[in-house]
PDB file of N, CA and C in Angstrom:
ATOM      1  N   MET A   1      26.341  16.673 109.939  1.00  0.00           N
ATOM      2  CA  MET A   1      26.729  17.763 109.447  1.00  0.00           C
ATOM      3  C   MET A   1      26.909  18.826 110.287  1.00  0.00           C
ATOM      4  N   GLN A   2      26.471  18.855 111.445  1.00  0.00           N
ATOM      5  CA  GLN A   2      27.419  19.444 112.620  1.00  0.00           C
ATOM      6  C   GLN A   2      28.884  19.651 112.676  1.00  0.00           C
ATOM      7  N   THR A   3      29.141  18.598 112.568  1.00  0.00           N
ATOM      8  CA  THR A   3      30.926  17.998 112.667  1.00  0.00           C
ATOM      9  C   THR A   3      31.296  18.277 111.675  1.00  0.00           C
ATOM     10  N   VAL A   4      30.973  18.265 110.489  1.00  0.00           N
ATOM     11  CA  VAL A   4      31.582  18.407 109.232  1.00  0.00           C
ATOM     12  C   VAL A   4      31.885  19.816 109.195  1.00  0.00           C
ATOM     13  N   ARG A   5      30.622  20.553 109.565  1.00  0.00           N
ATOM     14  CA  ARG A   5      30.763  22.441 109.829  1.00  0.00           C
ATOM     15  C   ARG A   5      32.267  22.345 110.687  1.00  0.00           C
ATOM     16  N   GLU A   6      32.164  22.112 112.116  1.00  0.00           N
ATOM     17  CA  GLU A   6      33.153  22.396 113.281  1.00  0.00           C
ATOM     18  C   GLU A   6      34.383  21.779 112.285  1.00  0.00           C
ATOM     19  N   LEU A   7      35.052  20.634 111.961  1.00  0.00           N
ATOM     20  CA  LEU A   7      35.638  20.256 111.002  1.00  0.00           C
ATOM     21  C   LEU A   7      36.812  21.437 109.767  1.00  0.00           C
ATOM     22  N   GLU A   8      35.410  21.309 109.130  1.00  0.00           N
ATOM     23  CA  GLU A   8      36.315  22.633 108.371  1.00  0.00           C
ATOM     24  C   GLU A   8      36.514  24.105 109.460  1.00  0.00           C
ATOM     25  N   PHE A   9      35.612  24.488 110.168  1.00  0.00           N
ATOM     26  CA  PHE A   9      36.222  25.249 110.864  1.00  0.00           C
ATOM     27  C   PHE A   9      37.579  25.459 111.597  1.00  0.00           C
ATOM     28  N   ALA A  10      37.870  23.887 111.978  1.00  0.00           N
ATOM     29  CA  ALA A  10      39.105  23.581 112.716  1.00  0.00           C
ATOM     30  C   ALA A  10      40.021  23.671 111.524  1.00  0.00           C
ATOM     31  N   LEU A  11      40.135  23.125 110.719  1.00  0.00           N
ATOM     32  CA  LEU A  11      41.050  23.186 109.495  1.00  0.00           C
ATOM     33  C   LEU A  11      41.519  24.484 109.024  1.00  0.00           C
ATOM     34  N   GLN A  12      40.498  25.316 108.999  1.00  0.00           N
ATOM     35  CA  GLN A  12      40.810  26.866 108.839  1.00  0.00           C
ATOM     36  C   GLN A  12      41.372  27.336 110.182  1.00  0.00           C
ATOM     37  N   LEU A  13      41.293  27.370 110.830  1.00  0.00           N
ATOM     38  CA  LEU A  13      42.522  27.972 111.977  1.00  0.00           C
ATOM     39  C   LEU A  13      43.410  27.071 111.962  1.00  0.00           C
ATOM     40  N   ALA A  14      43.692  25.726 111.515  1.00  0.00           N
ATOM     41  CA  ALA A  14      45.260  25.303 111.710  1.00  0.00           C
ATOM     42  C   ALA A  14      46.198  25.957 110.192  1.00  0.00           C
ATOM     43  N   GLU A  15      45.244  26.291 108.882  1.00  0.00           N
ATOM     44  CA  GLU A  15      45.316  27.183 108.256  1.00  0.00           C
ATOM     45  C   GLU A  15      45.997  28.686 108.896  1.00  0.00           C
ATOM     46  N   GLN A  16      45.555  28.864 109.358  1.00  0.00           N
ATOM     47  CA  GLN A  16      45.902  30.671 110.096  1.00  0.00           C
ATOM     48  C   GLN A  16      46.852  30.452 110.871  1.00  0.00           C
ATOM     49  N   LEU A  17      47.634  29.092 111.443  1.00  0.00           N
ATOM     50  CA  LEU A  17      48.362  29.228 112.650  1.00  0.00           C
ATOM     51  C   LEU A  17      49.269  28.816 111.575  1.00  0.00           C
ATOM     52  N   GLY A  18      49.823  28.260 110.355  1.00  0.00           N
ATOM     53  CA  GLY A  18      50.390  28.091 109.669  1.00  0.00           C
ATOM     54  C   GLY A  18      50.683  26.641 108.894  1.00  0.00           C
ATOM     55  N   TYR A  19      49.643  26.103 109.149  1.00  0.00           N
ATOM     56  CA  TYR A  19      49.782  24.686 109.333  1.00  0.00           C
ATOM     57  C   TYR A  19      49.804  24.361 107.637  1.00  0.00           C
ATOM     58  N   GLU A  20      50.037  23.219 107.203  1.00  0.00           N
ATOM     59  CA  GLU A  20      50.080  22.820 105.677  1.00  0.00           C
ATOM     60  C   GLU A  20      48.843  21.708 105.992  1.00  0.00           C
ATOM     61  N   VAL A  21      48.009  21.457 105.405  1.00  0.00           N
ATOM     62  CA  VAL A  21      47.036  20.449 105.822  1.00  0.00           C
ATOM     63  C   VAL A  21      46.713  19.380 104.828  1.00  0.00           C
ATOM     64  N   ARG A  22      47.106  18.280 105.150  1.00  0.00           N
ATOM     65  CA  ARG A  22      47.382  17.090 104.745  1.00  0.00           C
ATOM     66  C   ARG A  22      45.734  16.142 104.369  1.00  0.00           C
ATOM     67  N   HIS A  23      45.376  15.617 103.722  1.00  0.00           N
ATOM     68  CA  HIS A  23      44.319  14.533 104.081  1.00  0.00           C
ATOM     69  C   HIS A  23      44.895  13.401 103.362  1.00  0.00           C
ATOM     70  N   GLU A  24      45.187  12.221 104.139  1.00  0.00           N
ATOM     71  CA  GLU A  24      45.798  11.027 103.802  1.00  0.00           C
ATOM     72  C   GLU A  24      44.995  10.108 104.506  1.00  0.00           C
ATOM     73  N   LEU A  25      44.782   8.629 103.493  1.00  0.00           N
ATOM     74  CA  LEU A  25      44.767   7.420 104.337  1.00  0.00           C
ATOM     75  C   LEU A  25      45.481   6.913 105.122  1.00  0.00           C
ATOM     76  N   LEU A  26      45.377   6.611 106.402  1.00  0.00           N
ATOM     77  CA  LEU A  26      46.609   6.310 107.678  1.00  0.00           C
ATOM     78  C   LEU A  26      45.671   5.040 107.890  1.00  0.00           C
ATOM     79  N   ASP A  27      44.972   4.783 107.474  1.00  0.00           N
ATOM     80  CA  ASP A  27      44.520   3.747 108.404  1.00  0.00           C
ATOM     81  C   ASP A  27      44.140   3.312 110.087  1.00  0.00           C
ATOM     82  N   GLY A  28      43.827   4.869 110.075  1.00  0.00           N
ATOM     83  CA  GLY A  28      43.492   4.793 111.754  1.00  0.00           C
ATOM     84  C   GLY A  28      44.940   4.483 112.422  1.00  0.00           C
ATOM     85  N   ALA A  29      46.148   4.915 111.919  1.00  0.00           N
ATOM     86  CA  ALA A  29      47.220   4.290 112.797  1.00  0.00           C
ATOM     87  C   ALA A  29      47.778   5.584 113.164  1.00  0.00           C
ATOM     88  N   ALA A  30      47.679   6.985 112.473  1.00  0.00           N
ATOM     89  CA  ALA A  30      48.488   8.063 112.904  1.00  0.00           C
ATOM     90  C   ALA A  30      47.885   9.327 112.390  1.00  0.00           C
ATOM     91  N   GLY A  31      47.937  10.550 112.961  1.00  0.00           N
ATOM     92  CA  GLY A  31      47.612  11.955 112.155  1.00  0.00           C
ATOM     93  C   GLY A  31      47.865  12.583 113.538  1.00  0.00           C
ATOM     94  N   GLY A  32      47.781  13.832 112.823  1.00  0.00           N
ATOM     95  CA  GLY A  32      48.048  14.853 114.016  1.00  0.00           C
ATOM     96  C   GLY A  32      49.430  15.868 113.108  1.00  0.00           C
ATOM     97  N   SER A  33      49.678  16.353 114.272  1.00  0.00           N
ATOM     98  CA  SER A  33      50.712  18.151 113.718  1.00  0.00           C
ATOM     99  C   SER A  33      51.857  17.335 113.985  1.00  0.00           C
ATOM    100  N   CYS A  34      52.958  17.739 113.066  1.00  0.00           N
ATOM    101  CA  CYS A  34      54.520  17.963 112.692  1.00  0.00           C
ATOM    102  C   CYS A  34      55.095  18.878 112.214  1.00  0.00           C
ATOM    103  N   GLU A  35      56.532  18.735 112.533  1.00  0.00           N
ATOM    104  CA  GLU A  35      57.204  19.860 111.971  1.00  0.00           C
ATOM    105  C   GLU A  35      58.472  19.031 111.242  1.00  0.00           C
ATOM    106  N   PHE A  36      58.599  19.266 110.500  1.00  0.00           N
ATOM    107  CA  PHE A  36      59.571  18.910 109.275  1.00  0.00           C
ATOM    108  C   PHE A  36      60.206  19.870 108.461  1.00  0.00           C
ATOM    109  N   ALA A  37      61.063  19.617 107.839  1.00  0.00           N
ATOM    110  CA  ALA A  37      61.697  20.717 106.523  1.00  0.00           C
ATOM    111  C   ALA A  37      61.563  22.288 106.901  1.00  0.00           C
ATOM    112  N   GLY A  38      61.290  22.493 108.108  1.00  0.00           N
ATOM    113  CA  GLY A  38      60.946  24.550 108.343  1.00  0.00           C
ATOM    114  C   GLY A  38      59.261  24.229 108.565  1.00  0.00           C
ATOM    115  N   ARG A  39      58.484  23.505 108.020  1.00  0.00           N
ATOM    116  CA  ARG A  39      57.275  23.650 107.875  1.00  0.00           C
ATOM    117  C   ARG A  39      56.356  23.094 109.019  1.00  0.00           C
ATOM    118  N   ARG A  40      54.959  23.237 109.045  1.00  0.00           N
ATOM    119  CA  ARG A  40      54.144  22.900 110.034  1.00  0.00           C
ATOM    120  C   ARG A  40      52.926  21.973 109.164  1.00  0.00           C
ATOM    121  N   TRP A  41      52.954  20.618 109.826  1.00  0.00           N
ATOM    122  CA  TRP A  41      52.119  20.223 108.434  1.00  0.00           C
ATOM    123  C   TRP A  41      51.176  19.503 109.666  1.00  0.00           C
ATOM    124  N   LEU A  42      49.550  19.265 108.969  1.00  0.00           N
ATOM    125  CA  LEU A  42      48.679  18.446 109.804  1.00  0.00           C
ATOM    126  C   LEU A  42      48.087  17.322 109.108  1.00  0.00           C
ATOM    127  N   PHE A  43      48.037  15.947 109.579  1.00  0.00           N
ATOM    128  CA  PHE A  43      48.017  15.152 109.004  1.00  0.00           C
ATOM    129  C   PHE A  43      46.355  14.483 109.524  1.00  0.00           C
ATOM    130  N   VAL A  44      45.373  14.694 108.132  1.00  0.00           N
ATOM    131  CA  VAL A  44      43.866  14.301 108.710  1.00  0.00           C
ATOM    132  C   VAL A  44      43.712  13.124 108.490  1.00  0.00           C
ATOM    133  N   ASP A  45      43.675  11.850 109.233  1.00  0.00           N
ATOM    134  CA  ASP A  45      43.154  10.734 108.512  1.00  0.00           C
ATOM    135  C   ASP A  45      42.071  10.588 107.931  1.00  0.00           C
ATOM    136  N   LEU A  46      41.855  10.368 106.640  1.00  0.00           N
ATOM    137  CA  LEU A  46      40.473   9.641 105.653  1.00  0.00           C
ATOM    138  C   LEU A  46      39.995   8.637 106.387  1.00  0.00           C
ATOM    139  N   ALA A  47      40.380   8.170 107.013  1.00  0.00           N
ATOM    140  CA  ALA A  47      40.214   6.574 107.346  1.00  0.00           C
ATOM    141  C   ALA A  47      39.175   6.693 108.505  1.00  0.00           C
ATOM    142  N   LEU A  48      39.131   7.947 109.248  1.00  0.00           N
ATOM    143  CA  LEU A  48      38.361   8.150 110.529  1.00  0.00           C
ATOM    144  C   LEU A  48      37.394   8.955 109.807  1.00  0.00           C
ATOM    145  N   PRO A  49      35.987   8.587 110.884  1.00  0.00           N
ATOM    146  CA  PRO A  49      34.907   9.123 110.695  1.00  0.00           C
ATOM    147  C   PRO A  49      35.319  10.314 110.992  1.00  0.00           C
ATOM    148  N   PRO A  50      34.292  11.423 110.444  1.00  0.00           N
ATOM    149  CA  PRO A  50      34.456  12.770 110.950  1.00  0.00           C
ATOM    150  C   PRO A  50      35.095  13.967 112.236  1.00  0.00           C
ATOM    151  N   HIS A  51      33.902  12.643 112.984  1.00  0.00           N
ATOM    152  CA  HIS A  51      34.010  13.571 114.506  1.00  0.00           C
ATOM    153  C   HIS A  51      35.529  12.957 114.782  1.00  0.00           C
ATOM    154  N   GLU A  52      36.055  12.164 114.824  1.00  0.00           N
ATOM    155  CA  GLU A  52      37.593  11.418 115.106  1.00  0.00           C
ATOM    156  C   GLU A  52      38.527  12.573 114.439  1.00  0.00           C
ATOM    157  N   GLN A  53      38.394  12.794 113.096  1.00  0.00           N
ATOM    158  CA  GLN A  53      39.340  13.218 112.524  1.00  0.00           C
ATOM    159  C   GLN A  53      38.952  14.995 113.036  1.00  0.00           C
ATOM    160  N   LEU A  54      37.833  15.588 113.476  1.00  0.00           N
ATOM    161  CA  LEU A  54      38.088  16.220 114.332  1.00  0.00           C
ATOM    162  C   LEU A  54      38.487  16.417 115.712  1.00  0.00           C
ATOM    163  N   GLN A  55      38.334  15.606 116.295  1.00  0.00           N
ATOM    164  CA  GLN A  55      39.190  15.519 117.464  1.00  0.00           C
ATOM    165  C   GLN A  55      40.683  15.447 117.182  1.00  0.00           C
ATOM    166  N   GLN A  56      41.330  14.941 116.460  1.00  0.00           N
ATOM    167  CA  GLN A  56      42.704  14.705 115.683  1.00  0.00           C
ATOM    168  C   GLN A  56      43.026  16.233 115.620  1.00  0.00           C
ATOM    169  N   VAL A  57      42.189  16.491 114.630  1.00  0.00           N
ATOM    170  CA  VAL A  57      42.580  18.511 114.539  1.00  0.00           C
ATOM    171  C   VAL A  57      42.771  19.491 115.935  1.00  0.00           C
ATOM    172  N   ARG A  58      41.497  18.948 116.637  1.00  0.00           N
ATOM    173  CA  ARG A  58      41.483  20.131 117.987  1.00  0.00           C
ATOM    174  C   ARG A  58      42.398  19.383 118.834  1.00  0.00           C
ATOM    175  N   ASP A  59      42.721  18.026 118.850  1.00  0.00           N
ATOM    176  CA  ASP A  59      44.022  17.847 119.959  1.00  0.00           C
ATOM    177  C   ASP A  59      45.390  18.722 119.432  1.00  0.00           C
ATOM    178  N   SER A  60      45.652  18.499 118.273  1.00  0.00           N
ATOM    179  CA  SER A  60      46.992  19.267 117.677  1.00  0.00           C
ATOM    180  C   SER A  60      47.105  20.592 117.755  1.00  0.00           C
ATOM    181  N   LEU A  61      45.681  21.103 117.813  1.00  0.00           N
ATOM    182  CA  LEU A  61      45.724  22.899 117.594  1.00  0.00           C
ATOM    183  C   LEU A  61      45.873  22.674 119.007  1.00  0.00           C
ATOM    184  N   VAL A  62      45.223  22.434 120.045  1.00  0.00           N
ATOM    185  CA  VAL A  62      45.032  22.946 121.448  1.00  0.00           C
ATOM    186  C   VAL A  62      46.432  22.689 122.068  1.00  0.00           C
ATOM    187  N   ALA A  63      47.323  21.666 121.285  1.00  0.00           N
ATOM    188  CA  ALA A  63      48.563  21.540 122.288  1.00  0.00           C
ATOM    189  C   ALA A  63      49.345  22.670 121.466  1.00  0.00           C
ATOM    190  N   ASP A  64      49.361  23.272 120.372  1.00  0.00           N
ATOM    191  CA  ASP A  64      50.169  24.247 119.879  1.00  0.00           C
ATOM    192  C   ASP A  64      49.941  25.608 121.015  1.00  0.00           C
ATOM    193  N   PRO A  65      51.470  25.765 121.232  1.00  0.00           N
ATOM    194  CA  PRO A  65      50.874  27.624 122.054  1.00  0.00           C
ATOM    195  C   PRO A  65      50.600  28.452 121.572  1.00  0.00           C
ATOM    196  N   ARG A  66      50.585  28.616 120.041  1.00  0.00           N
ATOM    197  CA  ARG A  66      50.052  29.742 119.318  1.00  0.00           C
ATOM    198  C   ARG A  66      48.180  29.729 119.293  1.00  0.00           C
ATOM    199  N   PHE A  67      48.171  28.749 119.615  1.00  0.00           N
ATOM    200  CA  PHE A  67      46.714  28.165 119.843  1.00  0.00           C
ATOM    201  C   PHE A  67      45.570  29.547 120.329  1.00  0.00           C
ATOM    202  N   THR A  68      46.452  29.868 121.497  1.00  0.00           N
ATOM    203  CA  THR A  68      45.643  31.181 122.461  1.00  0.00           C
ATOM    204  C   THR A  68      45.885  32.575 122.353  1.00  0.00           C
ATOM    205  N   THR A  69      46.604  32.597 120.453  1.00  0.00           N
ATOM    206  CA  THR A  69      46.761  33.769 119.924  1.00  0.00           C
ATOM    207  C   THR A  69      45.532  34.060 119.039  1.00  0.00           C
ATOM    208  N   LEU A  70      44.516  32.887 118.472  1.00  0.00           N
ATOM    209  CA  LEU A  70      43.785  33.299 118.044  1.00  0.00           C
ATOM    210  C   LEU A  70      42.391  33.471 118.187  1.00  0.00           C
ATOM    211  N   ASP A  71      41.490  34.329 117.379  1.00  0.00           N
ATOM    212  CA  ASP A  71      40.852  35.592 117.788  1.00  0.00           C
ATOM    213  C   ASP A  71      39.443  34.428 117.959  1.00  0.00           C
ATOM    214  N   LEU A  72      39.648  33.962 119.007  1.00  0.00           N
ATOM    215  CA  LEU A  72      37.868  33.144 119.326  1.00  0.00           C
ATOM    216  C   LEU A  72      37.035  33.792 120.329  1.00  0.00           C
ATOM    217  N   ASP A  73      36.213  33.329 119.705  1.00  0.00           N
ATOM    218  CA  ASP A  73      35.075  34.153 120.830  1.00  0.00           C
ATOM    219  C   ASP A  73      35.474  33.189 122.409  1.00  0.00           C
ATOM    220  N   ALA A  74      34.538  33.594 123.172  1.00  0.00           N
ATOM    221  CA  ALA A  74      34.533  32.924 124.778  1.00  0.00           C
ATOM    222  C   ALA A  74      33.788  31.258 124.746  1.00  0.00           C
ATOM    223  N   ALA A  75      33.103  31.396 123.986  1.00  0.00           N
ATOM    224  CA  ALA A  75      32.367  30.239 123.574  1.00  0.00           C
ATOM    225  C   ALA A  75      33.112  28.831 123.350  1.00  0.00           C
ATOM    226  N   THR A  76      33.583  28.929 122.192  1.00  0.00           N
ATOM    227  CA  THR A  76      34.296  28.349 121.121  1.00  0.00           C
ATOM    228  C   THR A  76      35.813  28.219 121.751  1.00  0.00           C
ATOM    229  N   ARG A  77      36.098  29.121 122.440  1.00  0.00           N
ATOM    230  CA  ARG A  77      37.656  28.545 123.184  1.00  0.00           C
ATOM    231  C   ARG A  77      37.270  27.710 124.239  1.00  0.00           C
ATOM    232  N   GLN A  78      35.879  27.782 124.885  1.00  0.00           N
ATOM    233  CA  GLN A  78      35.719  27.141 126.567  1.00  0.00           C
ATOM    234  C   GLN A  78      35.539  25.932 125.661  1.00  0.00           C
ATOM    235  N   GLN A  79      34.688  25.053 124.556  1.00  0.00           N
ATOM    236  CA  GLN A  79      34.277  24.493 123.752  1.00  0.00           C
ATOM    237  C   GLN A  79      35.855  23.305 123.515  1.00  0.00           C
ATOM    238  N   TRP A  80      36.428  24.002 123.127  1.00  0.00           N
ATOM    239  CA  TRP A  80      37.655  23.304 122.492  1.00  0.00           C
ATOM    240  C   TRP A  80      38.865  22.484 124.130  1.00  0.00           C
ATOM    241  N   LYS A  81      38.102  23.735 124.954  1.00  0.00           N
ATOM    242  CA  LYS A  81      38.870  22.783 126.019  1.00  0.00           C
ATOM    243  C   LYS A  81      38.796  21.106 126.325  1.00  0.00           C
TER     244      LYS A  81
END
């Protein structure tokens, strides 16, 4: 259950950064962030278990230079490294 809460929190952060979040069945082949048509998208693969979905989202957000602008406490920021 903790992983699901962390995933929900990560998705909220993605939305704060301006991502459009899509939940799609991608059969484990893809997922993550991209930009097209002037919008940022984050695709979450529903074929993956929650802990892998969380890792996809985290990887995408940490790679975004704007991640450092988020108002996160030190413990959360450290956990995401």
